[in-house]
C-alpha cells in the first residue's frame, strides 16, 4: 500500500508578524511545527525564506526541499526544550576536533593538513581565545581545559535558532572550530567545507571517485551550505 503524503492545500503564502517574531500563513492560517507549536521565527528574513519554500511546493509536499522550515522546526521542537544539553554535546567536539588530529604519513597529506588547518587553529587562538593543539595519530589526547571552557561558553551563548544551524555546521564538518569560523564570518561555507574534506580529497586523488559516495557527500555539502544560510538569516 502506498505511504500517505501531505499534499498542497493552500493558494497563498504570506509572512506575518507574531508575538516574539514572525510567522508564515497559508491562506491566512499560521503554520505549526510537527509538535504543533506555533512556527514563530526571530527574523523576517527567515520567515520569508520559509514562506518561499512553502510557496514552491507543488502537489505532494516534499520536506527535503524545505531546509529552512526543517531548521526552524528543529529549533522550536528539539533545541529549545534541551538547549543546554545540545550546547554541551556540540562543545564536546572541541576535545576531538577534526583540525587537531593529523596524519603521520604520507608526507603529502601531512603537508596538506598543516597548510589547511594550522591557520584556522591560529585564528581560533587569537579571535576566540582558545588555542587547541594538533596531535599526530588518532589516539585521543585531551586539549587544554581553559580552551575547552572558552569554547563551551561561546557555544552556550547561541540562541536556539543559532544553535540549530551550528549543530549542522559542526556535526557535518566534524569541527567545532570550523563551525565557529563560519558563524563568525571568518570563512565562507564553501571554503570551510573544502577545509573539512582535506583527508577525503587526498584519498579521492589516490583511489578515484565512488559514485554513491559522491552523491552522499554532495547531500552533506548542500546541508552544510543550507545551515550557513540559516544562521545568516537568523541574525
N, C-alpha and C. Protein backbone atom coordinates (compact mmCIF):
# COMPACT_ATOMS: atom_id res chain seq x y z
N UNK A 1 0.85 -1.19 0.00
CA UNK A 1 0.00 0.00 0.00
C UNK A 1 0.88 1.24 0.00
N UNK A 2 0.56 2.25 -0.81
CA UNK A 2 1.37 3.47 -0.90
C UNK A 2 1.32 4.24 0.40
N UNK A 3 2.46 4.84 0.78
CA UNK A 3 2.53 5.63 2.00
C UNK A 3 1.80 6.95 1.80
N UNK A 4 1.04 7.38 2.82
CA UNK A 4 0.32 8.64 2.72
C UNK A 4 1.28 9.81 2.74
N UNK A 5 1.04 10.82 1.94
CA UNK A 5 1.87 12.02 1.93
C UNK A 5 0.98 13.24 1.86
N UNK A 6 1.35 14.27 2.60
CA UNK A 6 0.57 15.50 2.61
C UNK A 6 0.66 16.19 1.25
N UNK A 7 -0.45 16.80 0.83
CA UNK A 7 -0.49 17.50 -0.44
C UNK A 7 -0.80 18.97 -0.22
N UNK A 8 -0.38 19.77 -1.18
CA UNK A 8 -0.64 21.20 -1.08
C UNK A 8 -2.15 21.44 -1.07
N UNK A 9 -2.57 22.25 -0.09
CA UNK A 9 -4.00 22.54 0.06
C UNK A 9 -4.26 24.04 0.05
N UNK A 10 -3.25 24.88 -0.07
CA UNK A 10 -3.38 26.31 0.06
C UNK A 10 -3.04 27.00 -1.27
N UNK A 11 -3.51 28.24 -1.37
CA UNK A 11 -3.19 29.04 -2.56
C UNK A 11 -2.15 30.11 -2.24
N UNK A 12 -2.35 30.83 -1.14
CA UNK A 12 -1.50 31.98 -0.84
C UNK A 12 -0.59 31.71 0.37
N UNK A 13 0.65 32.12 0.25
CA UNK A 13 1.62 32.01 1.33
C UNK A 13 2.11 33.40 1.68
N UNK A 14 1.97 33.79 2.96
CA UNK A 14 2.34 35.14 3.36
C UNK A 14 3.13 35.11 4.66
N UNK A 15 3.87 36.19 4.88
CA UNK A 15 4.61 36.38 6.13
C UNK A 15 3.84 37.37 6.99
N UNK A 16 3.76 37.09 8.29
CA UNK A 16 3.03 37.97 9.20
C UNK A 16 3.81 38.15 10.49
N UNK A 17 3.65 39.29 11.12
CA UNK A 17 4.23 39.49 12.44
C UNK A 17 3.46 38.66 13.46
N UNK A 18 4.20 38.22 14.49
CA UNK A 18 3.59 37.42 15.56
C UNK A 18 4.27 37.79 16.86
N UNK A 19 3.67 37.40 17.97
CA UNK A 19 4.28 37.66 19.27
C UNK A 19 5.65 36.99 19.33
N UNK A 20 6.70 37.80 19.46
CA UNK A 20 8.04 37.25 19.57
C UNK A 20 8.76 37.10 18.25
N UNK A 21 8.14 37.56 17.13
CA UNK A 21 8.86 37.43 15.86
C UNK A 21 7.94 37.45 14.67
N UNK A 22 8.12 36.47 13.79
CA UNK A 22 7.38 36.41 12.53
C UNK A 22 6.94 34.97 12.27
N UNK A 23 5.84 34.85 11.52
CA UNK A 23 5.35 33.53 11.19
C UNK A 23 4.94 33.50 9.72
N UNK A 24 4.53 32.33 9.26
CA UNK A 24 4.10 32.14 7.89
C UNK A 24 2.65 31.68 7.90
N UNK A 25 1.84 32.28 7.05
CA UNK A 25 0.43 31.91 6.93
C UNK A 25 0.18 31.22 5.60
N UNK A 26 -0.63 30.18 5.63
CA UNK A 26 -1.12 29.51 4.43
C UNK A 26 -2.61 29.79 4.33
N UNK A 27 -2.97 30.61 3.36
CA UNK A 27 -4.37 31.07 3.25
C UNK A 27 -4.86 31.66 4.56
N UNK A 28 -3.98 32.41 5.22
CA UNK A 28 -4.35 33.10 6.45
C UNK A 28 -4.20 32.29 7.72
N UNK A 29 -3.87 31.03 7.59
CA UNK A 29 -3.72 30.17 8.77
C UNK A 29 -2.23 29.98 9.10
N UNK A 30 -1.84 30.19 10.36
CA UNK A 30 -0.42 30.10 10.71
C UNK A 30 0.11 28.67 10.63
N UNK A 31 1.32 28.55 10.15
CA UNK A 31 1.99 27.24 10.10
C UNK A 31 2.40 26.83 11.51
N UNK A 32 2.30 25.53 11.78
CA UNK A 32 2.77 24.99 13.05
C UNK A 32 3.86 23.96 12.80
N UNK A 33 4.61 23.67 13.83
CA UNK A 33 5.68 22.69 13.74
C UNK A 33 5.10 21.28 13.82
N UNK A 34 5.90 20.25 13.57
CA UNK A 34 5.40 18.87 13.73
C UNK A 34 4.87 18.57 15.12
N UNK A 35 5.42 19.27 16.14
CA UNK A 35 4.93 19.08 17.52
C UNK A 35 3.75 20.00 17.83
N UNK A 36 3.22 20.67 16.81
CA UNK A 36 2.04 21.52 16.91
C UNK A 36 2.30 22.84 17.64
N UNK A 37 3.54 23.22 17.77
CA UNK A 37 3.86 24.53 18.33
C UNK A 37 3.75 25.59 17.24
N UNK A 38 3.44 26.82 17.60
CA UNK A 38 3.42 27.88 16.59
C UNK A 38 4.81 28.05 15.98
N UNK A 39 4.87 28.14 14.66
CA UNK A 39 6.15 28.33 13.99
C UNK A 39 6.43 29.83 13.96
N UNK A 40 7.10 30.31 15.02
CA UNK A 40 7.46 31.73 15.13
C UNK A 40 8.98 31.82 15.10
N UNK A 41 9.50 32.62 14.17
CA UNK A 41 10.94 32.73 13.97
C UNK A 41 11.39 34.15 14.29
N UNK A 42 12.67 34.35 14.58
CA UNK A 42 13.12 35.65 15.10
C UNK A 42 13.26 36.76 14.08
N UNK A 43 13.37 36.44 12.79
CA UNK A 43 13.60 37.49 11.79
C UNK A 43 12.65 37.34 10.61
N UNK A 44 12.37 38.49 10.00
CA UNK A 44 11.53 38.46 8.79
C UNK A 44 12.25 37.72 7.66
N UNK A 45 13.59 37.86 7.60
CA UNK A 45 14.34 37.20 6.53
C UNK A 45 14.15 35.69 6.58
N UNK A 46 14.18 35.11 7.78
CA UNK A 46 13.98 33.68 7.90
C UNK A 46 12.54 33.31 7.55
N UNK A 47 11.58 34.09 8.01
CA UNK A 47 10.18 33.82 7.69
C UNK A 47 9.95 33.86 6.19
N UNK A 48 10.58 34.80 5.51
CA UNK A 48 10.43 34.90 4.06
C UNK A 48 11.05 33.70 3.35
N UNK A 49 12.16 33.22 3.88
CA UNK A 49 12.80 32.04 3.30
C UNK A 49 11.89 30.82 3.46
N UNK A 50 11.29 30.68 4.64
CA UNK A 50 10.36 29.58 4.89
C UNK A 50 9.12 29.71 4.00
N UNK A 51 8.61 30.92 3.89
CA UNK A 51 7.43 31.14 3.04
C UNK A 51 7.72 30.76 1.60
N UNK A 52 8.92 31.08 1.13
CA UNK A 52 9.28 30.74 -0.25
C UNK A 52 9.31 29.23 -0.46
N UNK A 53 9.75 28.50 0.57
CA UNK A 53 9.77 27.04 0.47
C UNK A 53 8.37 26.48 0.37
N UNK A 54 7.45 27.00 1.18
CA UNK A 54 6.07 26.52 1.13
C UNK A 54 5.41 26.90 -0.20
N UNK A 55 5.69 28.10 -0.67
CA UNK A 55 5.09 28.55 -1.92
C UNK A 55 5.58 27.73 -3.10
N UNK A 56 6.78 27.21 -3.01
CA UNK A 56 7.37 26.44 -4.12
C UNK A 56 6.84 25.01 -4.21
N UNK A 57 6.12 24.56 -3.19
CA UNK A 57 5.62 23.19 -3.20
C UNK A 57 4.53 23.01 -4.24
N UNK A 58 4.60 21.92 -4.95
CA UNK A 58 3.58 21.59 -5.94
C UNK A 58 3.13 20.15 -5.74
N UNK A 59 1.85 19.95 -5.62
CA UNK A 59 1.35 18.59 -5.40
C UNK A 59 1.72 18.10 -4.02
N UNK A 60 2.45 16.98 -3.97
CA UNK A 60 2.87 16.41 -2.69
C UNK A 60 3.96 17.26 -2.05
N UNK A 61 3.83 17.54 -0.75
CA UNK A 61 4.82 18.35 -0.03
C UNK A 61 6.08 17.51 0.17
N UNK A 62 7.22 18.07 -0.20
CA UNK A 62 8.50 17.37 -0.08
C UNK A 62 9.38 18.08 0.94
N UNK A 63 9.45 17.57 2.19
CA UNK A 63 10.27 18.21 3.23
C UNK A 63 11.74 18.34 2.85
N UNK A 64 12.21 17.49 1.95
CA UNK A 64 13.62 17.54 1.56
C UNK A 64 13.96 18.82 0.80
N UNK A 65 12.95 19.49 0.30
CA UNK A 65 13.17 20.75 -0.41
C UNK A 65 12.89 21.96 0.48
N UNK A 66 12.80 21.74 1.81
CA UNK A 66 12.42 22.80 2.74
C UNK A 66 13.40 22.88 3.91
N UNK A 67 14.69 23.15 3.64
CA UNK A 67 15.68 23.15 4.73
C UNK A 67 15.46 24.23 5.78
N UNK A 68 14.99 25.41 5.38
CA UNK A 68 14.76 26.46 6.36
C UNK A 68 13.60 26.09 7.28
N UNK A 69 12.57 25.48 6.72
CA UNK A 69 11.44 25.02 7.53
C UNK A 69 11.90 23.94 8.51
N UNK A 70 12.69 23.00 8.02
CA UNK A 70 13.20 21.94 8.90
C UNK A 70 14.07 22.53 10.01
N UNK A 71 14.89 23.51 9.67
CA UNK A 71 15.74 24.13 10.68
C UNK A 71 14.94 24.83 11.76
N UNK A 72 13.89 25.55 11.34
CA UNK A 72 13.04 26.23 12.31
C UNK A 72 12.29 25.23 13.18
N UNK A 73 11.80 24.15 12.56
CA UNK A 73 11.13 23.11 13.34
C UNK A 73 12.08 22.51 14.39
N UNK A 74 13.32 22.26 13.97
CA UNK A 74 14.30 21.69 14.89
C UNK A 74 14.59 22.64 16.04
N UNK A 75 14.71 23.93 15.73
CA UNK A 75 15.00 24.92 16.77
C UNK A 75 13.87 24.97 17.80
N UNK A 76 12.64 24.92 17.32
CA UNK A 76 11.48 25.06 18.22
C UNK A 76 11.17 23.76 18.96
N UNK A 77 11.10 22.66 18.21
CA UNK A 77 10.64 21.40 18.80
C UNK A 77 11.74 20.64 19.54
N UNK A 78 13.00 20.81 19.12
CA UNK A 78 14.07 19.98 19.67
C UNK A 78 15.08 20.78 20.50
N UNK A 79 15.60 21.85 19.92
CA UNK A 79 16.68 22.57 20.62
C UNK A 79 16.14 23.33 21.82
N UNK A 80 15.04 24.04 21.65
CA UNK A 80 14.52 24.88 22.74
C UNK A 80 14.29 24.09 24.02
N UNK A 81 13.83 22.86 23.91
CA UNK A 81 13.47 22.08 25.10
C UNK A 81 14.69 21.42 25.76
N UNK A 82 15.85 21.47 25.09
CA UNK A 82 17.06 20.87 25.67
C UNK A 82 18.30 21.65 25.24
N UNK A 83 18.19 22.96 25.26
CA UNK A 83 19.22 23.81 24.69
C UNK A 83 20.58 23.61 25.35
N UNK A 84 20.61 23.53 26.66
CA UNK A 84 21.89 23.36 27.36
C UNK A 84 22.54 22.03 26.99
N UNK A 85 21.73 20.98 26.87
CA UNK A 85 22.28 19.67 26.52
C UNK A 85 22.85 19.67 25.10
N UNK A 86 22.14 20.34 24.17
CA UNK A 86 22.64 20.43 22.79
C UNK A 86 23.95 21.20 22.75
N UNK A 87 24.01 22.31 23.48
CA UNK A 87 25.24 23.10 23.52
C UNK A 87 26.39 22.29 24.11
N UNK A 88 26.13 21.55 25.17
CA UNK A 88 27.18 20.71 25.77
C UNK A 88 27.66 19.65 24.79
N UNK A 89 26.74 19.03 24.08
CA UNK A 89 27.10 17.98 23.13
C UNK A 89 28.00 18.53 22.03
N UNK A 90 27.66 19.71 21.52
CA UNK A 90 28.46 20.30 20.46
C UNK A 90 29.82 20.77 20.98
N UNK A 91 29.85 21.29 22.18
CA UNK A 91 31.11 21.75 22.77
C UNK A 91 32.11 20.62 22.91
N UNK A 92 31.62 19.40 23.08
CA UNK A 92 32.50 18.25 23.22
C UNK A 92 33.35 18.01 21.98
N UNK A 93 32.90 18.50 20.83
CA UNK A 93 33.70 18.36 19.61
C UNK A 93 35.06 19.04 19.76
N UNK A 94 35.15 20.03 20.63
CA UNK A 94 36.41 20.74 20.79
C UNK A 94 37.55 19.85 21.26
N UNK A 95 37.22 18.84 22.04
CA UNK A 95 38.26 17.97 22.57
C UNK A 95 38.69 16.89 21.59
N UNK A 96 37.99 16.78 20.48
CA UNK A 96 38.38 15.81 19.44
C UNK A 96 38.21 16.43 18.06
N UNK A 97 38.52 17.71 17.97
CA UNK A 97 38.27 18.47 16.75
C UNK A 97 39.04 17.90 15.57
N UNK A 98 38.36 17.81 14.43
CA UNK A 98 38.98 17.31 13.21
C UNK A 98 40.32 17.96 12.92
N UNK A 99 40.41 19.28 13.13
CA UNK A 99 41.61 20.02 12.75
C UNK A 99 42.83 19.66 13.58
N UNK A 100 42.60 18.98 14.69
CA UNK A 100 43.71 18.66 15.60
C UNK A 100 44.31 17.28 15.38
N UNK A 101 43.63 16.40 14.67
CA UNK A 101 44.11 15.03 14.51
C UNK A 101 44.73 14.86 13.14
N UNK A 102 46.07 14.75 13.14
CA UNK A 102 46.85 14.80 11.91
C UNK A 102 47.42 13.43 11.56
N UNK A 103 47.55 13.24 10.26
CA UNK A 103 48.18 12.02 9.76
C UNK A 103 49.67 12.05 10.07
N UNK A 104 50.26 10.88 10.25
CA UNK A 104 51.70 10.76 10.43
C UNK A 104 52.41 10.51 9.10
N UNK A 105 51.68 10.04 8.13
CA UNK A 105 52.19 9.81 6.78
C UNK A 105 50.98 9.57 5.87
N UNK A 106 51.09 9.71 4.56
CA UNK A 106 52.28 10.12 3.80
C UNK A 106 52.56 11.61 3.97
N UNK A 107 53.75 12.01 3.59
CA UNK A 107 54.17 13.38 3.83
C UNK A 107 53.33 14.39 3.07
N UNK A 108 52.79 13.97 1.89
CA UNK A 108 51.94 14.89 1.11
C UNK A 108 50.68 15.24 1.88
N UNK A 109 50.07 14.25 2.53
CA UNK A 109 48.86 14.51 3.31
C UNK A 109 49.20 15.32 4.56
N UNK A 110 50.30 14.99 5.20
CA UNK A 110 50.74 15.75 6.38
C UNK A 110 50.87 17.23 6.02
N UNK A 111 51.48 17.51 4.88
CA UNK A 111 51.69 18.90 4.45
C UNK A 111 50.36 19.59 4.14
N UNK A 112 49.44 18.87 3.50
CA UNK A 112 48.14 19.46 3.17
C UNK A 112 47.36 19.81 4.43
N UNK A 113 47.35 18.91 5.39
CA UNK A 113 46.64 19.18 6.64
C UNK A 113 47.22 20.40 7.34
N UNK A 114 48.51 20.47 7.39
CA UNK A 114 49.17 21.60 8.06
C UNK A 114 48.83 22.91 7.36
N UNK A 115 48.89 22.92 6.04
CA UNK A 115 48.62 24.13 5.28
C UNK A 115 47.17 24.59 5.43
N UNK A 116 46.24 23.63 5.45
CA UNK A 116 44.82 23.98 5.52
C UNK A 116 44.34 24.26 6.94
N UNK A 117 44.87 23.51 7.91
CA UNK A 117 44.30 23.53 9.25
C UNK A 117 45.02 24.44 10.24
N UNK A 118 46.33 24.59 10.10
CA UNK A 118 47.06 25.42 11.07
C UNK A 118 46.55 26.86 11.11
N UNK A 119 46.29 27.50 9.96
CA UNK A 119 45.79 28.88 10.03
C UNK A 119 44.46 29.02 10.75
N UNK A 120 43.61 28.01 10.65
CA UNK A 120 42.30 28.08 11.33
C UNK A 120 42.48 27.93 12.83
N UNK A 121 43.38 27.04 13.24
CA UNK A 121 43.66 26.90 14.67
C UNK A 121 44.28 28.18 15.23
N UNK A 122 45.13 28.82 14.45
CA UNK A 122 45.73 30.08 14.90
C UNK A 122 44.67 31.17 15.01
N UNK A 123 43.74 31.19 14.06
CA UNK A 123 42.62 32.14 14.14
C UNK A 123 41.81 31.90 15.41
N UNK A 124 41.55 30.64 15.73
CA UNK A 124 40.78 30.32 16.94
C UNK A 124 41.51 30.81 18.18
N UNK A 125 42.81 30.68 18.18
CA UNK A 125 43.60 31.11 19.34
C UNK A 125 43.51 32.62 19.53
N UNK A 126 43.61 33.37 18.43
CA UNK A 126 43.64 34.82 18.53
C UNK A 126 42.24 35.43 18.60
N UNK A 127 41.30 34.89 17.83
CA UNK A 127 39.97 35.50 17.75
C UNK A 127 39.01 34.95 18.79
N UNK A 128 39.07 33.65 19.03
CA UNK A 128 38.16 33.04 20.01
C UNK A 128 38.78 32.94 21.39
N UNK A 129 40.10 33.10 21.47
CA UNK A 129 40.78 32.96 22.75
C UNK A 129 40.90 31.52 23.20
N UNK A 130 40.95 30.60 22.24
CA UNK A 130 41.02 29.17 22.56
C UNK A 130 42.06 28.51 21.66
N UNK A 131 43.20 28.17 22.23
CA UNK A 131 44.26 27.53 21.45
C UNK A 131 44.18 26.01 21.62
N UNK A 132 43.84 25.33 20.52
CA UNK A 132 43.84 23.87 20.51
C UNK A 132 45.13 23.39 19.86
N UNK A 133 45.64 22.26 20.35
CA UNK A 133 46.93 21.75 19.89
C UNK A 133 46.74 20.57 18.94
N UNK A 134 47.43 20.60 17.80
CA UNK A 134 47.37 19.45 16.88
C UNK A 134 48.05 18.22 17.47
N UNK A 135 47.56 17.04 17.09
CA UNK A 135 48.11 15.76 17.56
C UNK A 135 48.44 14.89 16.36
N UNK A 136 49.54 14.18 16.43
CA UNK A 136 49.88 13.22 15.38
C UNK A 136 49.28 11.87 15.74
N UNK A 137 48.54 11.26 14.80
CA UNK A 137 47.92 9.98 15.07
C UNK A 137 46.48 10.13 15.51
N UNK A 138 45.85 9.00 15.87
CA UNK A 138 44.42 9.00 16.19
C UNK A 138 44.14 8.78 17.67
N UNK A 139 45.16 8.59 18.47
CA UNK A 139 44.96 8.38 19.91
C UNK A 139 44.56 9.70 20.55
N UNK A 140 43.48 9.67 21.33
CA UNK A 140 42.97 10.89 21.95
C UNK A 140 43.90 11.40 23.03
N UNK A 141 44.21 12.69 22.95
CA UNK A 141 44.94 13.40 23.99
C UNK A 141 44.13 14.64 24.35
N UNK A 142 43.79 14.84 25.61
CA UNK A 142 42.93 15.96 25.99
C UNK A 142 43.52 17.31 25.58
N UNK A 143 42.65 18.20 25.19
CA UNK A 143 43.04 19.57 24.89
C UNK A 143 43.08 20.39 26.19
N UNK A 144 43.75 21.54 26.18
CA UNK A 144 43.81 22.39 27.38
C UNK A 144 42.42 22.73 27.90
N UNK A 145 42.21 22.53 29.17
CA UNK A 145 40.88 22.72 29.75
C UNK A 145 40.40 24.16 29.63
N UNK A 146 41.32 25.12 29.72
CA UNK A 146 40.93 26.52 29.60
C UNK A 146 40.35 26.82 28.22
N UNK A 147 40.99 26.28 27.18
CA UNK A 147 40.49 26.48 25.82
C UNK A 147 39.12 25.84 25.65
N UNK A 148 38.95 24.63 26.19
CA UNK A 148 37.67 23.95 26.06
C UNK A 148 36.56 24.69 26.79
N UNK A 149 36.87 25.25 27.94
CA UNK A 149 35.86 26.01 28.68
C UNK A 149 35.46 27.27 27.94
N UNK A 150 36.43 27.92 27.29
CA UNK A 150 36.13 29.10 26.50
C UNK A 150 35.19 28.75 25.34
N UNK A 151 35.48 27.66 24.65
CA UNK A 151 34.63 27.23 23.54
C UNK A 151 33.25 26.81 24.03
N UNK A 152 33.20 26.19 25.20
CA UNK A 152 31.90 25.79 25.76
C UNK A 152 31.05 27.02 26.06
N UNK A 153 31.65 28.03 26.66
CA UNK A 153 30.88 29.25 26.96
C UNK A 153 30.35 29.89 25.69
N UNK A 154 31.16 29.94 24.66
CA UNK A 154 30.72 30.54 23.40
C UNK A 154 29.59 29.72 22.77
N UNK A 155 29.66 28.41 22.90
CA UNK A 155 28.60 27.56 22.36
C UNK A 155 27.29 27.80 23.10
N UNK A 156 27.38 28.00 24.40
CA UNK A 156 26.17 28.26 25.19
C UNK A 156 25.59 29.64 24.94
N UNK A 157 26.36 30.53 24.32
CA UNK A 157 25.86 31.88 24.04
C UNK A 157 24.89 31.92 22.86
N UNK A 158 24.86 30.86 22.06
CA UNK A 158 23.96 30.85 20.90
C UNK A 158 22.49 30.78 21.33
N UNK A 159 21.64 31.42 20.55
CA UNK A 159 20.20 31.23 20.73
C UNK A 159 19.81 29.85 20.21
N UNK A 160 18.58 29.45 20.47
CA UNK A 160 18.12 28.14 20.00
C UNK A 160 18.17 28.05 18.48
N UNK A 161 17.81 29.12 17.78
CA UNK A 161 17.83 29.09 16.32
C UNK A 161 19.26 29.07 15.80
N UNK A 162 20.14 29.85 16.41
CA UNK A 162 21.55 29.80 16.02
C UNK A 162 22.14 28.43 16.27
N UNK A 163 21.77 27.84 17.40
CA UNK A 163 22.32 26.54 17.78
C UNK A 163 21.85 25.44 16.81
N UNK A 164 20.64 25.57 16.31
CA UNK A 164 20.15 24.58 15.33
C UNK A 164 21.02 24.59 14.09
N UNK A 165 21.41 25.78 13.62
CA UNK A 165 22.30 25.88 12.46
C UNK A 165 23.70 25.41 12.82
N UNK A 166 24.18 25.83 13.97
CA UNK A 166 25.53 25.48 14.42
C UNK A 166 25.68 23.97 14.56
N UNK A 167 24.63 23.30 14.98
CA UNK A 167 24.66 21.84 15.11
C UNK A 167 25.07 21.20 13.80
N UNK A 168 24.45 21.63 12.70
CA UNK A 168 24.75 21.02 11.41
C UNK A 168 26.15 21.40 10.93
N UNK A 169 26.55 22.64 11.16
CA UNK A 169 27.89 23.07 10.75
C UNK A 169 28.97 22.24 11.44
N UNK A 170 28.78 21.96 12.71
CA UNK A 170 29.78 21.21 13.48
C UNK A 170 29.72 19.72 13.17
N UNK A 171 28.52 19.15 13.20
CA UNK A 171 28.41 17.70 13.03
C UNK A 171 28.77 17.25 11.61
N UNK A 172 28.46 18.07 10.62
CA UNK A 172 28.78 17.70 9.24
C UNK A 172 30.26 17.85 8.93
N UNK A 173 30.92 18.82 9.53
CA UNK A 173 32.34 19.05 9.28
C UNK A 173 33.22 18.26 10.24
N UNK A 174 32.69 17.90 11.41
CA UNK A 174 33.49 17.24 12.42
C UNK A 174 34.37 18.20 13.20
N UNK A 175 34.09 19.50 13.08
CA UNK A 175 34.97 20.50 13.67
C UNK A 175 34.18 21.62 14.34
N UNK A 176 34.39 21.77 15.63
CA UNK A 176 33.81 22.90 16.36
C UNK A 176 34.41 24.21 15.86
N UNK A 177 35.71 24.20 15.59
CA UNK A 177 36.39 25.42 15.16
C UNK A 177 35.90 25.87 13.79
N UNK A 178 35.71 24.95 12.86
CA UNK A 178 35.18 25.33 11.56
C UNK A 178 33.76 25.87 11.68
N UNK A 179 32.98 25.31 12.60
CA UNK A 179 31.64 25.85 12.84
C UNK A 179 31.71 27.30 13.26
N UNK A 180 32.60 27.61 14.20
CA UNK A 180 32.77 29.00 14.63
C UNK A 180 33.32 29.87 13.51
N UNK A 181 34.22 29.33 12.70
CA UNK A 181 34.79 30.12 11.60
C UNK A 181 33.70 30.59 10.64
N UNK A 182 32.67 29.76 10.45
CA UNK A 182 31.55 30.15 9.59
C UNK A 182 30.65 31.15 10.30
N UNK A 183 30.26 30.86 11.52
CA UNK A 183 29.32 31.75 12.21
C UNK A 183 29.94 33.11 12.53
N UNK A 184 31.25 33.14 12.71
CA UNK A 184 31.93 34.41 12.99
C UNK A 184 32.28 35.17 11.71
N UNK A 185 31.98 34.59 10.55
CA UNK A 185 32.25 35.26 9.30
C UNK A 185 33.70 35.20 8.85
N UNK A 186 34.49 34.34 9.47
CA UNK A 186 35.90 34.21 9.08
C UNK A 186 36.06 33.44 7.78
N UNK A 187 35.19 32.44 7.56
CA UNK A 187 35.25 31.64 6.35
C UNK A 187 33.87 31.55 5.71
N UNK A 188 33.78 31.63 4.38
CA UNK A 188 32.52 31.29 3.72
C UNK A 188 32.27 29.80 3.84
N UNK A 189 31.02 29.40 3.75
CA UNK A 189 30.67 28.00 3.96
C UNK A 189 31.41 27.07 3.01
N UNK A 190 31.52 27.47 1.74
CA UNK A 190 32.16 26.58 0.77
C UNK A 190 33.64 26.34 1.09
N UNK A 191 34.32 27.37 1.63
CA UNK A 191 35.72 27.21 1.98
C UNK A 191 35.87 26.34 3.23
N UNK A 192 35.00 26.54 4.21
CA UNK A 192 35.04 25.72 5.41
C UNK A 192 34.79 24.25 5.07
N UNK A 193 33.85 24.01 4.16
CA UNK A 193 33.57 22.63 3.74
C UNK A 193 34.79 22.02 3.06
N UNK A 194 35.42 22.78 2.19
CA UNK A 194 36.62 22.28 1.50
C UNK A 194 37.71 21.93 2.51
N UNK A 195 37.90 22.77 3.50
CA UNK A 195 38.92 22.52 4.51
C UNK A 195 38.61 21.26 5.31
N UNK A 196 37.33 21.02 5.53
CA UNK A 196 36.95 19.83 6.30
C UNK A 196 37.16 18.54 5.52
N UNK A 197 37.36 18.65 4.20
CA UNK A 197 37.46 17.47 3.33
C UNK A 197 38.88 17.20 2.84
N UNK A 198 39.88 17.72 3.52
CA UNK A 198 41.27 17.52 3.09
C UNK A 198 41.61 16.04 2.99
N UNK A 199 41.29 15.27 4.02
CA UNK A 199 41.61 13.84 4.01
C UNK A 199 40.88 13.12 2.88
N UNK A 200 39.59 13.41 2.75
CA UNK A 200 38.79 12.72 1.75
C UNK A 200 39.24 13.08 0.33
N UNK A 201 39.61 14.34 0.13
CA UNK A 201 40.08 14.74 -1.19
C UNK A 201 41.38 14.05 -1.54
N UNK A 202 42.25 13.89 -0.57
CA UNK A 202 43.52 13.19 -0.81
C UNK A 202 43.26 11.74 -1.21
N UNK A 203 42.34 11.07 -0.48
CA UNK A 203 42.02 9.69 -0.81
C UNK A 203 41.37 9.57 -2.18
N UNK A 204 40.56 10.56 -2.52
CA UNK A 204 39.90 10.57 -3.82
C UNK A 204 40.93 10.63 -4.94
N UNK A 205 41.96 11.42 -4.74
CA UNK A 205 43.00 11.54 -5.76
C UNK A 205 43.81 10.26 -5.91
N UNK A 206 43.89 9.49 -4.82
CA UNK A 206 44.66 8.25 -4.86
C UNK A 206 43.87 7.10 -5.47
N UNK A 207 42.56 7.03 -5.15
CA UNK A 207 41.78 5.84 -5.48
C UNK A 207 40.63 6.08 -6.44
N UNK A 208 40.36 7.33 -6.74
CA UNK A 208 39.25 7.61 -7.63
C UNK A 208 37.94 7.80 -6.88
N UNK A 209 36.90 8.15 -7.62
CA UNK A 209 35.61 8.51 -7.04
C UNK A 209 34.63 7.35 -7.11
N UNK A 210 33.92 7.13 -6.01
CA UNK A 210 32.82 6.19 -5.95
C UNK A 210 31.53 6.98 -6.13
N UNK A 211 30.71 6.58 -7.09
CA UNK A 211 29.53 7.36 -7.44
C UNK A 211 28.55 7.51 -6.28
N UNK A 212 28.29 6.44 -5.56
CA UNK A 212 27.34 6.50 -4.44
C UNK A 212 27.88 7.38 -3.32
N UNK A 213 29.17 7.24 -3.06
CA UNK A 213 29.79 8.06 -2.02
C UNK A 213 29.76 9.53 -2.41
N UNK A 214 30.00 9.80 -3.68
CA UNK A 214 29.99 11.18 -4.17
C UNK A 214 28.60 11.80 -3.98
N UNK A 215 27.56 11.03 -4.23
CA UNK A 215 26.19 11.53 -4.05
C UNK A 215 25.92 11.84 -2.58
N UNK A 216 26.40 10.97 -1.69
CA UNK A 216 26.20 11.19 -0.25
C UNK A 216 26.95 12.43 0.22
N UNK A 217 28.15 12.62 -0.30
CA UNK A 217 28.95 13.79 0.07
C UNK A 217 28.28 15.07 -0.42
N UNK A 218 27.72 15.03 -1.61
CA UNK A 218 27.05 16.21 -2.15
C UNK A 218 25.85 16.60 -1.30
N UNK A 219 25.11 15.61 -0.81
CA UNK A 219 23.99 15.90 0.08
C UNK A 219 24.47 16.60 1.35
N UNK A 220 25.58 16.12 1.90
CA UNK A 220 26.15 16.74 3.10
C UNK A 220 26.64 18.15 2.82
N UNK A 221 27.27 18.34 1.65
CA UNK A 221 27.78 19.67 1.29
C UNK A 221 26.63 20.68 1.20
N UNK A 222 25.54 20.27 0.56
CA UNK A 222 24.39 21.15 0.45
C UNK A 222 23.78 21.45 1.82
N UNK A 223 23.74 20.44 2.68
CA UNK A 223 23.21 20.64 4.03
C UNK A 223 24.07 21.62 4.82
N UNK A 224 25.37 21.53 4.62
CA UNK A 224 26.31 22.45 5.29
C UNK A 224 26.06 23.88 4.81
N UNK A 225 25.92 24.06 3.51
CA UNK A 225 25.65 25.39 2.95
C UNK A 225 24.31 25.92 3.43
N UNK A 226 23.30 25.06 3.51
CA UNK A 226 21.99 25.48 3.98
C UNK A 226 22.02 25.90 5.45
N UNK A 227 22.83 25.20 6.26
CA UNK A 227 22.97 25.57 7.66
C UNK A 227 23.61 26.94 7.80
N UNK A 228 24.60 27.22 6.96
CA UNK A 228 25.25 28.53 6.99
C UNK A 228 24.27 29.63 6.61
N UNK A 229 23.44 29.37 5.59
CA UNK A 229 22.43 30.34 5.20
C UNK A 229 21.42 30.55 6.31
N UNK A 230 20.98 29.46 6.94
CA UNK A 230 20.02 29.55 8.04
C UNK A 230 20.58 30.44 9.15
N UNK A 231 21.85 30.24 9.49
CA UNK A 231 22.47 31.06 10.54
C UNK A 231 22.47 32.53 10.16
N UNK A 232 22.78 32.83 8.90
CA UNK A 232 22.83 34.23 8.47
C UNK A 232 21.46 34.90 8.58
N UNK A 233 20.42 34.22 8.16
CA UNK A 233 19.11 34.87 8.15
C UNK A 233 18.47 34.90 9.54
N UNK A 234 19.03 34.19 10.49
CA UNK A 234 18.54 34.25 11.87
C UNK A 234 19.00 35.55 12.52
N UNK A 235 20.09 36.12 12.03
CA UNK A 235 20.68 37.30 12.66
C UNK A 235 20.41 38.58 11.84
